[in-house]
PDB file of all heavy atoms in Angstrom:
ATOM      1  N   ARG A   1     282.714 -16.201 118.055  1.00  0.00           N
ATOM      2  CA  ARG A   1     283.111 -16.947 116.855  1.00  0.00           C
ATOM      3  C   ARG A   1     282.050 -16.711 115.780  1.00  0.00           C
ATOM      4  O   ARG A   1     280.880 -17.049 115.956  1.00  0.00           O
ATOM      5  CB  ARG A   1     283.211 -18.435 117.181  1.00  0.00           C
ATOM      6  CG  ARG A   1     283.549 -19.321 115.987  1.00  0.00           C
ATOM      7  CD  ARG A   1     283.666 -20.749 116.441  1.00  0.00           C
ATOM      8  NE  ARG A   1     283.376 -21.691 115.387  1.00  0.00           N
ATOM      9  CZ  ARG A   1     283.262 -23.000 115.566  1.00  0.00           C
ATOM     10  NH1 ARG A   1     283.403 -23.509 116.776  1.00  0.00           N
ATOM     11  NH2 ARG A   1     282.993 -23.798 114.555  1.00  0.00           N
ATOM     12  N   HIS A   2     282.449 -16.139 114.659  1.00  0.00           N
ATOM     13  CA  HIS A   2     281.500 -15.655 113.651  1.00  0.00           C
ATOM     14  C   HIS A   2     281.236 -16.717 112.587  1.00  0.00           C
ATOM     15  O   HIS A   2     281.811 -16.710 111.504  1.00  0.00           O
ATOM     16  CB  HIS A   2     282.038 -14.366 113.025  1.00  0.00           C
ATOM     17  CG  HIS A   2     282.370 -13.317 114.034  1.00  0.00           C
ATOM     18  ND1 HIS A   2     281.418 -12.694 114.808  1.00  0.00           N
ATOM     19  CD2 HIS A   2     283.562 -12.794 114.421  1.00  0.00           C
ATOM     20  CE1 HIS A   2     281.996 -11.819 115.614  1.00  0.00           C
ATOM     21  NE2 HIS A   2     283.290 -11.872 115.401  1.00  0.00           N
ATOM     22  N   ASP A   3     280.301 -17.602 112.888  1.00  0.00           N
ATOM     23  CA  ASP A   3     279.944 -18.665 111.950  1.00  0.00           C
ATOM     24  C   ASP A   3     278.874 -18.231 110.950  1.00  0.00           C
ATOM     25  O   ASP A   3     278.731 -18.849 109.900  1.00  0.00           O
ATOM     26  CB  ASP A   3     279.435 -19.895 112.709  1.00  0.00           C
ATOM     27  CG  ASP A   3     280.552 -20.635 113.419  1.00  0.00           C
ATOM     28  OD1 ASP A   3     281.725 -20.312 113.159  1.00  0.00           O
ATOM     29  OD2 ASP A   3     280.262 -21.518 114.231  1.00  0.00           O
ATOM     30  N   SER A   4     278.095 -17.197 111.296  1.00  0.00           N
ATOM     31  CA  SER A   4     276.977 -16.829 110.423  1.00  0.00           C
ATOM     32  C   SER A   4     277.290 -15.649 109.504  1.00  0.00           C
ATOM     33  O   SER A   4     276.446 -15.260 108.702  1.00  0.00           O
ATOM     34  CB  SER A   4     275.746 -16.480 111.274  1.00  0.00           C
ATOM     35  OG  SER A   4     275.912 -15.231 111.928  1.00  0.00           O
ATOM     36  N   THR A   5     278.492 -15.082 109.633  1.00  0.00           N
ATOM     37  CA  THR A   5     278.837 -13.919 108.828  1.00  0.00           C
ATOM     38  C   THR A   5     278.687 -14.226 107.330  1.00  0.00           C
ATOM     39  O   THR A   5     279.226 -15.218 106.835  1.00  0.00           O
ATOM     40  CB  THR A   5     280.278 -13.458 109.114  1.00  0.00           C
ATOM     41  OG1 THR A   5     280.396 -13.159 110.502  1.00  0.00           O
ATOM     42  CG2 THR A   5     280.630 -12.226 108.305  1.00  0.00           C
ATOM     43  N   GLY A   6     277.935 -13.389 106.642  1.00  0.00           N
ATOM     44  CA  GLY A   6     277.746 -13.555 105.205  1.00  0.00           C
ATOM     45  C   GLY A   6     276.588 -14.458 104.822  1.00  0.00           C
ATOM     46  O   GLY A   6     276.223 -14.504 103.640  1.00  0.00           O
ATOM     47  N   LEU A   7     276.007 -15.157 105.786  1.00  0.00           N
ATOM     48  CA  LEU A   7     274.868 -16.014 105.465  1.00  0.00           C
ATOM     49  C   LEU A   7     273.608 -15.167 105.282  1.00  0.00           C
ATOM     50  O   LEU A   7     273.382 -14.221 106.026  1.00  0.00           O
ATOM     51  CB  LEU A   7     274.621 -17.029 106.583  1.00  0.00           C
ATOM     52  CG  LEU A   7     275.674 -18.112 106.820  1.00  0.00           C
ATOM     53  CD1 LEU A   7     275.254 -18.991 107.993  1.00  0.00           C
ATOM     54  CD2 LEU A   7     275.873 -18.955 105.566  1.00  0.00           C
ATOM     55  N   PRO A   8     272.744 -15.500 104.337  1.00  0.00           N
ATOM     56  CA  PRO A   8     271.454 -14.810 104.235  1.00  0.00           C
ATOM     57  C   PRO A   8     270.631 -15.040 105.499  1.00  0.00           C
ATOM     58  O   PRO A   8     270.784 -16.063 106.185  1.00  0.00           O
ATOM     59  CB  PRO A   8     270.796 -15.470 103.017  1.00  0.00           C
ATOM     60  CG  PRO A   8     271.910 -16.126 102.275  1.00  0.00           C
ATOM     61  CD  PRO A   8     272.932 -16.507 103.290  1.00  0.00           C
ATOM     62  N   ASP A   9     269.743 -14.084 105.813  1.00  0.00           N
ATOM     63  CA  ASP A   9     268.915 -14.205 107.014  1.00  0.00           C
ATOM     64  C   ASP A   9     268.141 -15.520 107.022  1.00  0.00           C
ATOM     65  O   ASP A   9     268.016 -16.176 108.066  1.00  0.00           O
ATOM     66  CB  ASP A   9     267.932 -13.040 107.107  1.00  0.00           C
ATOM     67  CG  ASP A   9     268.618 -11.726 107.448  1.00  0.00           C
ATOM     68  OD1 ASP A   9     269.830 -11.742 107.744  1.00  0.00           O
ATOM     69  OD2 ASP A   9     267.935 -10.686 107.420  1.00  0.00           O
ATOM     70  N   ALA A  10     267.594 -15.911 105.870  1.00  0.00           N
ATOM     71  CA  ALA A  10     266.795 -17.133 105.803  1.00  0.00           C
ATOM     72  C   ALA A  10     267.629 -18.366 106.134  1.00  0.00           C
ATOM     73  O   ALA A  10     267.144 -19.309 106.766  1.00  0.00           O
ATOM     74  CB  ALA A  10     266.174 -17.282 104.416  1.00  0.00           C
ATOM     75  N   GLU A  11     268.907 -18.357 105.739  1.00  0.00           N
ATOM     76  CA  GLU A  11     269.778 -19.490 106.041  1.00  0.00           C
ATOM     77  C   GLU A  11     270.120 -19.522 107.529  1.00  0.00           C
ATOM     78  O   GLU A  11     270.236 -20.604 108.127  1.00  0.00           O
ATOM     79  CB  GLU A  11     271.058 -19.406 105.206  1.00  0.00           C
ATOM     80  CG  GLU A  11     272.087 -20.497 105.499  1.00  0.00           C
ATOM     81  CD  GLU A  11     271.561 -21.907 105.240  1.00  0.00           C
ATOM     82  OE1 GLU A  11     270.578 -22.066 104.498  1.00  0.00           O
ATOM     83  OE2 GLU A  11     272.158 -22.862 105.792  1.00  0.00           O
ATOM     84  N   VAL A  12     270.289 -18.346 108.136  1.00  0.00           N
ATOM     85  CA  VAL A  12     270.510 -18.293 109.588  1.00  0.00           C
ATOM     86  C   VAL A  12     269.335 -18.941 110.309  1.00  0.00           C
ATOM     87  O   VAL A  12     269.505 -19.755 111.224  1.00  0.00           O
ATOM     88  CB  VAL A  12     270.695 -16.836 110.055  1.00  0.00           C
ATOM     89  CG1 VAL A  12     270.712 -16.765 111.588  1.00  0.00           C
ATOM     90  CG2 VAL A  12     271.991 -16.255 109.500  1.00  0.00           C
ATOM     91  N   MET A  13     268.110 -18.593 109.892  1.00  0.00           N
ATOM     92  CA  MET A  13     266.930 -19.161 110.525  1.00  0.00           C
ATOM     93  C   MET A  13     266.819 -20.665 110.262  1.00  0.00           C
ATOM     94  O   MET A  13     266.379 -21.423 111.137  1.00  0.00           O
ATOM     95  CB  MET A  13     265.671 -18.451 110.037  1.00  0.00           C
ATOM     96  CG  MET A  13     265.531 -17.030 110.545  1.00  0.00           C
ATOM     97  SD  MET A  13     265.606 -16.904 112.351  1.00  0.00           S
ATOM     98  CE  MET A  13     264.152 -17.840 112.819  1.00  0.00           C
ATOM     99  N   ARG A  14     267.231 -21.098 109.078  1.00  0.00           N
ATOM    100  CA  ARG A  14     267.186 -22.534 108.792  1.00  0.00           C
ATOM    101  C   ARG A  14     268.109 -23.294 109.730  1.00  0.00           C
ATOM    102  O   ARG A  14     267.762 -24.371 110.230  1.00  0.00           O
ATOM    103  CB  ARG A  14     267.577 -22.806 107.341  1.00  0.00           C
ATOM    104  CG  ARG A  14     267.342 -24.265 106.904  1.00  0.00           C
ATOM    105  CD  ARG A  14     268.013 -24.577 105.588  1.00  0.00           C
ATOM    106  NE  ARG A  14     269.472 -24.552 105.689  1.00  0.00           N
ATOM    107  CZ  ARG A  14     270.206 -25.528 106.215  1.00  0.00           C
ATOM    108  NH1 ARG A  14     269.625 -26.623 106.702  1.00  0.00           N
ATOM    109  NH2 ARG A  14     271.525 -25.439 106.265  1.00  0.00           N
ATOM    110  N   ARG A  15     269.273 -22.732 109.993  1.00  0.00           N
ATOM    111  CA  ARG A  15     270.208 -23.403 110.887  1.00  0.00           C
ATOM    112  C   ARG A  15     269.735 -23.379 112.336  1.00  0.00           C
ATOM    113  O   ARG A  15     270.072 -24.270 113.116  1.00  0.00           O
ATOM    114  CB  ARG A  15     271.593 -22.752 110.769  1.00  0.00           C
ATOM    115  CG  ARG A  15     272.206 -22.909 109.391  1.00  0.00           C
ATOM    116  CD  ARG A  15     273.664 -22.553 109.357  1.00  0.00           C
ATOM    117  NE  ARG A  15     274.199 -22.635 108.004  1.00  0.00           N
ATOM    118  CZ  ARG A  15     275.505 -22.590 107.714  1.00  0.00           C
ATOM    119  NH1 ARG A  15     276.391 -22.447 108.689  1.00  0.00           N
ATOM    120  NH2 ARG A  15     275.900 -22.661 106.459  1.00  0.00           N
ATOM    121  N   LEU A  16     268.947 -22.363 112.685  1.00  0.00           N
ATOM    122  CA  LEU A  16     268.433 -22.268 114.058  1.00  0.00           C
ATOM    123  C   LEU A  16     267.191 -23.110 114.269  1.00  0.00           C
ATOM    124  O   LEU A  16     267.014 -23.724 115.328  1.00  0.00           O
ATOM    125  CB  LEU A  16     268.116 -20.806 114.399  1.00  0.00           C
ATOM    126  CG  LEU A  16     269.287 -19.849 114.584  1.00  0.00           C
ATOM    127  CD1 LEU A  16     268.781 -18.433 114.839  1.00  0.00           C
ATOM    128  CD2 LEU A  16     270.192 -20.300 115.733  1.00  0.00           C
ATOM    129  N   THR A  17     266.305 -23.121 113.271  1.00  0.00           N
ATOM    130  CA  THR A  17     264.983 -23.729 113.466  1.00  0.00           C
ATOM    131  C   THR A  17     264.637 -24.817 112.472  1.00  0.00           C
ATOM    132  O   THR A  17     263.637 -25.508 112.654  1.00  0.00           O
ATOM    133  CB  THR A  17     263.890 -22.641 113.373  1.00  0.00           C
ATOM    134  OG1 THR A  17     263.797 -22.167 112.022  1.00  0.00           O
ATOM    135  CG2 THR A  17     264.197 -21.472 114.290  1.00  0.00           C
ATOM    136  N   GLY A  18     265.426 -24.939 111.412  1.00  0.00           N
ATOM    137  CA  GLY A  18     265.098 -25.907 110.369  1.00  0.00           C
ATOM    138  C   GLY A  18     264.179 -25.355 109.303  1.00  0.00           C
ATOM    139  O   GLY A  18     263.857 -26.051 108.346  1.00  0.00           O
ATOM    140  N   GLU A  19     263.732 -24.111 109.474  1.00  0.00           N
ATOM    141  CA  GLU A  19     262.839 -23.492 108.501  1.00  0.00           C
ATOM    142  C   GLU A  19     263.404 -22.158 108.035  1.00  0.00           C
ATOM    143  O   GLU A  19     264.000 -21.419 108.821  1.00  0.00           O
ATOM    144  CB  GLU A  19     261.453 -23.275 109.118  1.00  0.00           C
ATOM    145  CG  GLU A  19     260.757 -24.558 109.543  1.00  0.00           C
ATOM    146  CD  GLU A  19     259.401 -24.284 110.154  1.00  0.00           C
ATOM    147  OE1 GLU A  19     259.009 -23.099 110.226  1.00  0.00           O
ATOM    148  OE2 GLU A  19     258.733 -25.251 110.574  1.00  0.00           O
ATOM    149  N   LYS A  20     263.178 -21.853 106.767  1.00  0.00           N
ATOM    150  CA  LYS A  20     263.605 -20.567 106.221  1.00  0.00           C
ATOM    151  C   LYS A  20     262.475 -19.558 106.415  1.00  0.00           C
ATOM    152  O   LYS A  20     261.519 -19.523 105.640  1.00  0.00           O
ATOM    153  CB  LYS A  20     263.976 -20.697 104.752  1.00  0.00           C
ATOM    154  CG  LYS A  20     265.266 -21.478 104.521  1.00  0.00           C
ATOM    155  CD  LYS A  20     265.699 -21.436 103.059  1.00  0.00           C
ATOM    156  CE  LYS A  20     267.048 -22.106 102.859  1.00  0.00           C
ATOM    157  NZ  LYS A  20     267.509 -22.041 101.462  1.00  0.00           N
ATOM    158  N   ALA A  21     262.568 -18.783 107.468  1.00  0.00           N
ATOM    159  CA  ALA A  21     261.526 -17.809 107.804  1.00  0.00           C
ATOM    160  C   ALA A  21     262.172 -16.453 108.044  1.00  0.00           C
ATOM    161  O   ALA A  21     263.391 -16.341 108.182  1.00  0.00           O
ATOM    162  CB  ALA A  21     260.775 -18.265 109.045  1.00  0.00           C
ATOM    163  N   SER A  22     261.345 -15.416 108.096  1.00  0.00           N
ATOM    164  CA  SER A  22     261.867 -14.093 108.427  1.00  0.00           C
ATOM    165  C   SER A  22     262.269 -14.064 109.899  1.00  0.00           C
ATOM    166  O   SER A  22     261.494 -14.476 110.766  1.00  0.00           O
ATOM    167  CB  SER A  22     260.809 -13.015 108.165  1.00  0.00           C
ATOM    168  OG  SER A  22     261.234 -11.774 108.715  1.00  0.00           O
ATOM    169  N   PRO A  23     263.466 -13.591 110.214  1.00  0.00           N
ATOM    170  CA  PRO A  23     263.919 -13.574 111.608  1.00  0.00           C
ATOM    171  C   PRO A  23     263.449 -12.363 112.401  1.00  0.00           C
ATOM    172  O   PRO A  23     263.614 -12.324 113.621  1.00  0.00           O
ATOM    173  CB  PRO A  23     265.442 -13.542 111.455  1.00  0.00           C
ATOM    174  CG  PRO A  23     265.656 -12.765 110.190  1.00  0.00           C
ATOM    175  CD  PRO A  23     264.512 -13.145 109.284  1.00  0.00           C
ATOM    176  N   GLU A  24     262.857 -11.388 111.729  1.00  0.00           N
ATOM    177  CA  GLU A  24     262.551 -10.115 112.387  1.00  0.00           C
ATOM    178  C   GLU A  24     261.640 -10.293 113.593  1.00  0.00           C
ATOM    179  O   GLU A  24     260.586 -10.919 113.512  1.00  0.00           O
ATOM    180  CB  GLU A  24     261.902  -9.152 111.394  1.00  0.00           C
ATOM    181  CG  GLU A  24     262.029  -7.691 111.799  1.00  0.00           C
ATOM    182  CD  GLU A  24     263.480  -7.215 111.728  1.00  0.00           C
ATOM    183  OE1 GLU A  24     263.935  -6.876 110.623  1.00  0.00           O
ATOM    184  OE2 GLU A  24     264.160  -7.194 112.783  1.00  0.00           O
ATOM    185  N   GLY A  25     262.071  -9.767 114.722  1.00  0.00           N
ATOM    186  CA  GLY A  25     261.262  -9.768 115.927  1.00  0.00           C
ATOM    187  C   GLY A  25     261.270 -11.053 116.717  1.00  0.00           C
ATOM    188  O   GLY A  25     260.639 -11.131 117.778  1.00  0.00           O
ATOM    189  N   LEU A  26     261.959 -12.083 116.252  1.00  0.00           N
ATOM    190  CA  LEU A  26     261.888 -13.404 116.883  1.00  0.00           C
ATOM    191  C   LEU A  26     262.918 -13.615 117.986  1.00  0.00           C
ATOM    192  O   LEU A  26     263.030 -14.722 118.520  1.00  0.00           O
ATOM    193  CB  LEU A  26     262.047 -14.503 115.827  1.00  0.00           C
ATOM    194  CG  LEU A  26     260.986 -14.542 114.734  1.00  0.00           C
ATOM    195  CD1 LEU A  26     261.247 -15.711 113.791  1.00  0.00           C
ATOM    196  CD2 LEU A  26     259.586 -14.653 115.324  1.00  0.00           C
ATOM    197  N   PHE A  27     263.655 -12.577 118.358  1.00  0.00           N
ATOM    198  CA  PHE A  27     264.719 -12.703 119.350  1.00  0.00           C
ATOM    199  C   PHE A  27     264.447 -11.750 120.509  1.00  0.00           C
ATOM    200  O   PHE A  27     264.002 -10.618 120.303  1.00  0.00           O
ATOM    201  CB  PHE A  27     266.074 -12.418 118.703  1.00  0.00           C
ATOM    202  CG  PHE A  27     266.377 -13.343 117.555  1.00  0.00           C
ATOM    203  CD1 PHE A  27     265.922 -13.059 116.276  1.00  0.00           C
ATOM    204  CD2 PHE A  27     267.071 -14.519 117.769  1.00  0.00           C
ATOM    205  CE1 PHE A  27     266.170 -13.916 115.219  1.00  0.00           C
ATOM    206  CE2 PHE A  27     267.322 -15.392 116.716  1.00  0.00           C
ATOM    207  CZ  PHE A  27     266.869 -15.093 115.440  1.00  0.00           C
ATOM    208  N   PHE A  28     264.724 -12.214 121.714  1.00  0.00           N
ATOM    209  CA  PHE A  28     264.392 -11.424 122.894  1.00  0.00           C
ATOM    210  C   PHE A  28     265.541 -10.487 123.250  1.00  0.00           C
ATOM    211  O   PHE A  28     266.691 -10.917 123.397  1.00  0.00           O
ATOM    212  CB  PHE A  28     264.094 -12.336 124.079  1.00  0.00           C
ATOM    213  CG  PHE A  28     263.504 -11.604 125.247  1.00  0.00           C
ATOM    214  CD1 PHE A  28     262.209 -11.123 125.189  1.00  0.00           C
ATOM    215  CD2 PHE A  28     264.236 -11.386 126.395  1.00  0.00           C
ATOM    216  CE1 PHE A  28     261.646 -10.433 126.262  1.00  0.00           C
ATOM    217  CE2 PHE A  28     263.699 -10.709 127.467  1.00  0.00           C
ATOM    218  CZ  PHE A  28     262.393 -10.226 127.398  1.00  0.00           C
ATOM    219  N   PRO A  29     265.253  -9.181 123.390  1.00  0.00           N
ATOM    220  CA  PRO A  29     266.308  -8.229 123.741  1.00  0.00           C
ATOM    221  C   PRO A  29     266.715  -8.373 125.205  1.00  0.00           C
ATOM    222  O   PRO A  29     265.881  -8.306 126.108  1.00  0.00           O
ATOM    223  CB  PRO A  29     265.639  -6.868 123.473  1.00  0.00           C
ATOM    224  CG  PRO A  29     264.169  -7.121 123.653  1.00  0.00           C
ATOM    225  CD  PRO A  29     263.940  -8.535 123.198  1.00  0.00           C
ATOM    226  N   ASP A  30     268.000  -8.576 125.425  1.00  0.00           N
ATOM    227  CA  ASP A  30     268.509  -8.782 126.780  1.00  0.00           C
ATOM    228  C   ASP A  30     270.026  -8.759 126.716  1.00  0.00           C
ATOM    229  O   ASP A  30     270.615  -8.695 125.633  1.00  0.00           O
ATOM    230  CB  ASP A  30     268.021 -10.130 127.320  1.00  0.00           C
ATOM    231  CG  ASP A  30     268.019 -10.197 128.845  1.00  0.00           C
ATOM    232  OD1 ASP A  30     268.552  -9.258 129.479  1.00  0.00           O
ATOM    233  OD2 ASP A  30     267.481 -11.174 129.391  1.00  0.00           O
ATOM    234  N   THR A  31     270.676  -8.826 127.880  1.00  0.00           N
ATOM    235  CA  THR A  31     272.125  -8.988 127.948  1.00  0.00           C
ATOM    236  C   THR A  31     272.424 -10.475 128.063  1.00  0.00           C
ATOM    237  O   THR A  31     271.926 -11.141 128.977  1.00  0.00           O
ATOM    238  CB  THR A  31     272.714  -8.237 129.143  1.00  0.00           C
ATOM    239  OG1 THR A  31     272.466  -6.834 128.996  1.00  0.00           O
ATOM    240  CG2 THR A  31     274.221  -8.463 129.235  1.00  0.00           C
ATOM    241  N   TYR A  32     273.226 -10.996 127.155  1.00  0.00           N
ATOM    242  CA  TYR A  32     273.555 -12.413 127.132  1.00  0.00           C
ATOM    243  C   TYR A  32     275.031 -12.595 127.493  1.00  0.00           C
ATOM    244  O   TYR A  32     275.912 -12.014 126.857  1.00  0.00           O
ATOM    245  CB  TYR A  32     273.253 -13.011 125.761  1.00  0.00           C
ATOM    246  CG  TYR A  32     271.772 -13.050 125.475  1.00  0.00           C
ATOM    247  CD1 TYR A  32     271.123 -11.967 124.881  1.00  0.00           C
ATOM    248  CD2 TYR A  32     271.007 -14.143 125.845  1.00  0.00           C
ATOM    249  CE1 TYR A  32     269.758 -11.984 124.648  1.00  0.00           C
ATOM    250  CE2 TYR A  32     269.635 -14.182 125.612  1.00  0.00           C
ATOM    251  CZ  TYR A  32     269.017 -13.098 125.018  1.00  0.00           C
ATOM    252  OH  TYR A  32     267.658 -13.115 124.801  1.00  0.00           O
ATOM    253  N   ILE A  33     275.280 -13.381 128.532  1.00  0.00           N
ATOM    254  CA  ILE A  33     276.638 -13.675 128.982  1.00  0.00           C
ATOM    255  C   ILE A  33     277.056 -15.022 128.388  1.00  0.00           C
ATOM    256  O   ILE A  33     276.270 -15.969 128.368  1.00  0.00           O
ATOM    257  CB  ILE A  33     276.697 -13.713 130.524  1.00  0.00           C
ATOM    258  CG1 ILE A  33     276.308 -12.335 131.093  1.00  0.00           C
ATOM    259  CG2 ILE A  33     278.087 -14.121 131.007  1.00  0.00           C
ATOM    260  CD1 ILE A  33     276.169 -12.313 132.595  1.00  0.00           C
ATOM    261  N   PHE A  34     278.286 -15.098 127.908  1.00  0.00           N
ATOM    262  CA  PHE A  34     278.740 -16.313 127.229  1.00  0.00           C
ATOM    263  C   PHE A  34     280.239 -16.473 127.414  1.00  0.00           C
ATOM    264  O   PHE A  34     280.949 -15.528 127.777  1.00  0.00           O
ATOM    265  CB  PHE A  34     278.404 -16.250 125.738  1.00  0.00           C
ATOM    266  CG  PHE A  34     278.991 -15.048 125.033  1.00  0.00           C
ATOM    267  CD1 PHE A  34     280.237 -15.116 124.435  1.00  0.00           C
ATOM    268  CD2 PHE A  34     278.301 -13.849 124.993  1.00  0.00           C
ATOM    269  CE1 PHE A  34     280.780 -14.015 123.803  1.00  0.00           C
ATOM    270  CE2 PHE A  34     278.834 -12.732 124.369  1.00  0.00           C
ATOM    271  CZ  PHE A  34     280.077 -12.815 123.775  1.00  0.00           C
ATOM    272  N   GLY A  35     280.714 -17.673 127.192  1.00  0.00           N
ATOM    273  CA  GLY A  35     282.144 -17.925 127.221  1.00  0.00           C
ATOM    274  C   GLY A  35     282.807 -17.410 125.965  1.00  0.00           C
ATOM    275  O   GLY A  35     282.255 -17.522 124.871  1.00  0.00           O
ATOM    276  N   LYS A  36     283.965 -16.799 126.125  1.00  0.00           N
ATOM    277  CA  LYS A  36     284.672 -16.270 124.966  1.00  0.00           C
ATOM    278  C   LYS A  36     284.894 -17.373 123.932  1.00  0.00           C
ATOM    279  O   LYS A  36     285.247 -18.495 124.272  1.00  0.00           O
ATOM    280  CB  LYS A  36     286.015 -15.665 125.394  1.00  0.00           C
ATOM    281  CG  LYS A  36     285.882 -14.360 126.156  1.00  0.00           C
ATOM    282  CD  LYS A  36     287.243 -13.749 126.450  1.00  0.00           C
ATOM    283  CE  LYS A  36     287.099 -12.402 127.154  1.00  0.00           C
ATOM    284  NZ  LYS A  36     288.409 -11.802 127.460  1.00  0.00           N
ATOM    285  N   GLY A  37     284.667 -17.018 122.679  1.00  0.00           N
ATOM    286  CA  GLY A  37     284.801 -17.985 121.604  1.00  0.00           C
ATOM    287  C   GLY A  37     283.506 -18.703 121.285  1.00  0.00           C
ATOM    288  O   GLY A  37     283.488 -19.588 120.424  1.00  0.00           O
ATOM    289  N   GLU A  38     282.399 -18.295 121.960  1.00  0.00           N
ATOM    290  CA  GLU A  38     281.105 -18.918 121.679  1.00  0.00           C
ATOM    291  C   GLU A  38     280.657 -18.597 120.261  1.00  0.00           C
ATOM    292  O   GLU A  38     280.949 -17.549 119.709  1.00  0.00           O
ATOM    293  CB  GLU A  38     280.064 -18.398 122.672  1.00  0.00           C
ATOM    294  CG  GLU A  38     278.728 -19.094 122.601  1.00  0.00           C
ATOM    295  CD  GLU A  38     278.816 -20.555 123.009  1.00  0.00           C
ATOM    296  OE1 GLU A  38     278.738 -20.843 124.216  1.00  0.00           O
ATOM    297  OE2 GLU A  38     278.986 -21.390 122.089  1.00  0.00           O
ATOM    298  N   ARG A  39     279.928 -19.536 119.637  1.00  0.00           N
ATOM    299  CA  ARG A  39     279.434 -19.353 118.275  1.00  0.00           C
ATOM    300  C   ARG A  39     278.281 -18.354 118.258  1.00  0.00           C
ATOM    301  O   ARG A  39     277.430 -18.360 119.149  1.00  0.00           O
ATOM    302  CB  ARG A  39     278.973 -20.689 117.692  1.00  0.00           C
ATOM    303  CG  ARG A  39     280.053 -21.729 117.593  1.00  0.00           C
ATOM    304  CD  ARG A  39     279.490 -23.111 117.309  1.00  0.00           C
ATOM    305  NE  ARG A  39     278.813 -23.164 116.015  1.00  0.00           N
ATOM    306  CZ  ARG A  39     277.544 -23.471 115.861  1.00  0.00           C
ATOM    307  NH1 ARG A  39     276.782 -23.718 116.911  1.00  0.00           N
ATOM    308  NH2 ARG A  39     277.011 -23.524 114.647  1.00  0.00           N
ATOM    309  N   ASP A  40     278.250 -17.496 117.244  1.00  0.00           N
ATOM    310  CA  ASP A  40     277.165 -16.516 117.152  1.00  0.00           C
ATOM    311  C   ASP A  40     275.811 -17.201 117.011  1.00  0.00           C
ATOM    312  O   ASP A  40     274.801 -16.724 117.553  1.00  0.00           O
ATOM    313  CB  ASP A  40     277.406 -15.526 116.013  1.00  0.00           C
ATOM    314  CG  ASP A  40     277.692 -16.179 114.656  1.00  0.00           C
ATOM    315  OD1 ASP A  40     277.559 -17.416 114.550  1.00  0.00           O
ATOM    316  OD2 ASP A  40     278.051 -15.450 113.722  1.00  0.00           O
ATOM    317  N   LEU A  41     275.761 -18.338 116.328  1.00  0.00           N
ATOM    318  CA  LEU A  41     274.503 -19.061 116.168  1.00  0.00           C
ATOM    319  C   LEU A  41     273.997 -19.602 117.507  1.00  0.00           C
ATOM    320  O   LEU A  41     272.787 -19.687 117.730  1.00  0.00           O
ATOM    321  CB  LEU A  41     274.655 -20.200 115.171  1.00  0.00           C
ATOM    322  CG  LEU A  41     274.817 -19.774 113.705  1.00  0.00           C
ATOM    323  CD1 LEU A  41     275.205 -20.968 112.839  1.00  0.00           C
ATOM    324  CD2 LEU A  41     273.550 -19.130 113.180  1.00  0.00           C
ATOM    325  N   THR A  42     274.914 -19.948 118.396  1.00  0.00           N
ATOM    326  CA  THR A  42     274.516 -20.418 119.721  1.00  0.00           C
ATOM    327  C   THR A  42     273.872 -19.286 120.516  1.00  0.00           C
ATOM    328  O   THR A  42     272.853 -19.476 121.186  1.00  0.00           O
ATOM    329  CB  THR A  42     275.727 -20.972 120.480  1.00  0.00           C
ATOM    330  OG1 THR A  42     276.285 -22.069 119.749  1.00  0.00           O
ATOM    331  CG2 THR A  42     275.337 -21.449 121.869  1.00  0.00           C
ATOM    332  N   ILE A  43     274.457 -18.087 120.430  1.00  0.00           N
ATOM    333  CA  ILE A  43     273.894 -16.936 121.139  1.00  0.00           C
ATOM    334  C   ILE A  43     272.541 -16.563 120.555  1.00  0.00           C
ATOM    335  O   ILE A  43     271.584 -16.281 121.284  1.00  0.00           O
ATOM    336  CB  ILE A  43     274.877 -15.753 121.069  1.00  0.00           C
ATOM    337  CG1 ILE A  43     276.194 -16.123 121.759  1.00  0.00           C
ATOM    338  CG2 ILE A  43     274.274 -14.501 121.716  1.00  0.00           C
ATOM    339  CD1 ILE A  43     277.316 -15.131 121.505  1.00  0.00           C
TER     340      ILE A  43
END
């Protein structure tokens, strides 16, 4: 479920952490399993 499409990177980070920061490098590379229809922000 694409809730973050079109949002600026800083706004994505604000919704995740409450702060507008650079998101680069802050996510761990891995395979993530989820239920179909899961929100992109949740992943």
